[in-house]
Protein backbone atom coordinates (compact mmCIF):
# COMPACT_ATOMS: atom_id res chain seq x y z
CA MET A 1 -9.15 -5.23 -4.12
CA PRO A 2 -5.19 -5.02 -4.31
CA SER A 3 -3.81 -8.21 -2.73
CA VAL A 4 -1.31 -8.30 0.17
CA PRO A 5 1.54 -8.89 -2.31
CA GLN A 6 0.63 -5.65 -4.16
CA PHE A 7 0.57 -3.59 -0.89
CA ARG A 8 3.93 -4.92 -0.33
CA ALA A 9 5.22 -3.83 -3.61
CA ALA A 10 3.42 -0.73 -3.17
CA ARG A 11 5.49 0.07 -0.05
CA GLY A 12 8.55 -0.91 -1.50
CA LEU A 13 8.25 1.43 -4.28
CA LEU A 14 7.90 4.02 -2.33
CA GLY A 15 10.59 2.91 0.09
CA TRP A 16 8.26 2.92 3.13
CA SER A 17 8.38 0.30 6.16
CA GLN A 18 5.38 -0.94 7.95
CA THR A 19 5.53 1.88 10.55
CA GLN A 20 5.68 4.53 7.87
CA LEU A 21 2.78 3.36 5.92
CA ALA A 22 0.85 3.10 9.07
CA LYS A 23 1.72 6.54 10.19
CA ALA A 24 0.43 7.61 6.43
CA ALA A 25 -2.55 5.75 6.90
CA GLY A 26 -3.24 6.69 10.49
CA LEU A 27 -3.21 2.93 11.80
CA SER A 28 -1.01 1.20 14.13
CA PRO A 29 1.98 -0.88 13.00
CA VAL A 30 0.41 -3.70 14.35
CA THR A 31 -2.40 -3.29 11.80
CA VAL A 32 -0.34 -3.51 9.03
CA LYS A 33 2.00 -6.06 10.42
CA ARG A 34 -0.80 -8.04 10.63
CA PHE A 35 -2.81 -7.45 7.20
CA GLU A 36 0.74 -8.27 5.69
CA THR A 37 1.41 -11.47 7.57
CA ALA A 38 -1.84 -12.78 7.47
CA ALA A 39 -3.14 -12.29 4.22
CA GLY A 40 -5.49 -9.57 5.40
CA ALA A 41 -7.56 -11.59 7.06
CA ARG A 42 -7.85 -9.43 10.46
CA VAL A 43 -7.74 -6.12 9.44
CA SER A 44 -11.16 -4.14 8.79
CA ASP A 45 -12.19 -2.86 5.28
CA ASP A 46 -11.42 0.58 6.52
CA ALA A 47 -7.94 -0.30 7.69
CA VAL A 48 -7.28 -1.80 4.07
CA ALA A 49 -8.81 1.39 2.68
CA ALA A 50 -6.67 3.75 4.58
CA MET A 51 -3.70 1.84 3.39
CA ARG A 52 -4.86 1.81 -0.20
CA GLN A 53 -5.72 5.57 0.29
CA ALA A 54 -2.10 6.70 1.98
CA ILE A 55 -0.37 4.64 -1.03
CA GLU A 56 -2.37 5.98 -3.78
CA ALA A 57 -2.02 9.64 -2.41
CA ALA A 58 1.85 9.16 -2.10
CA GLY A 59 1.78 8.38 -6.08
CA VAL A 60 1.30 4.56 -6.38
CA GLU A 61 -1.30 3.20 -8.45
CA PHE A 62 -2.66 -0.24 -8.34
CA THR A 63 -3.05 -2.31 -11.33
CA ASN A 64 -5.37 -4.95 -12.08
CA GLY A 65 -6.39 -7.23 -15.21
CA ALA A 66 -4.19 -10.15 -16.44
CA ARG A 67 -1.09 -8.73 -14.68
CA PRO A 68 -1.97 -7.32 -11.43
CA GLY A 69 0.70 -5.02 -9.97
CA VAL A 70 1.79 -1.63 -8.93
CA ARG A 71 3.02 1.42 -10.82
CA LEU A 72 4.45 4.89 -10.33
CA VAL A 73 2.08 7.61 -11.38
CA GLY A 74 1.92 11.36 -11.11
CA LYS A 75 4.40 13.62 -9.20
CA LEU A 76 6.32 10.84 -7.35
CA ARG A 77 7.36 8.96 -10.80
CA ALA A 78 7.98 12.89 -12.23
CA LYS A 79 10.49 13.23 -9.53
CA LEU A 80 12.39 9.67 -10.48
CA GLU A 81 12.58 10.42 -13.96
């Protein structure tokens, strides 16, 4: 599972606020805020999956391995280049 800093970085790449992520994921803004400020401790796995799906659908990929992070992929990357 991606880390909370990866989720914040993904929002940053997209230029999304917590409210925008919540809307895209079908969640309340309070859920996104709680996840990001409490290191995900009190948010369901389903909510995290919904946030991840919304971010990935918007064109950001979570990376893992030696250097966990995020990167632009697909249509969004093409629009920015």
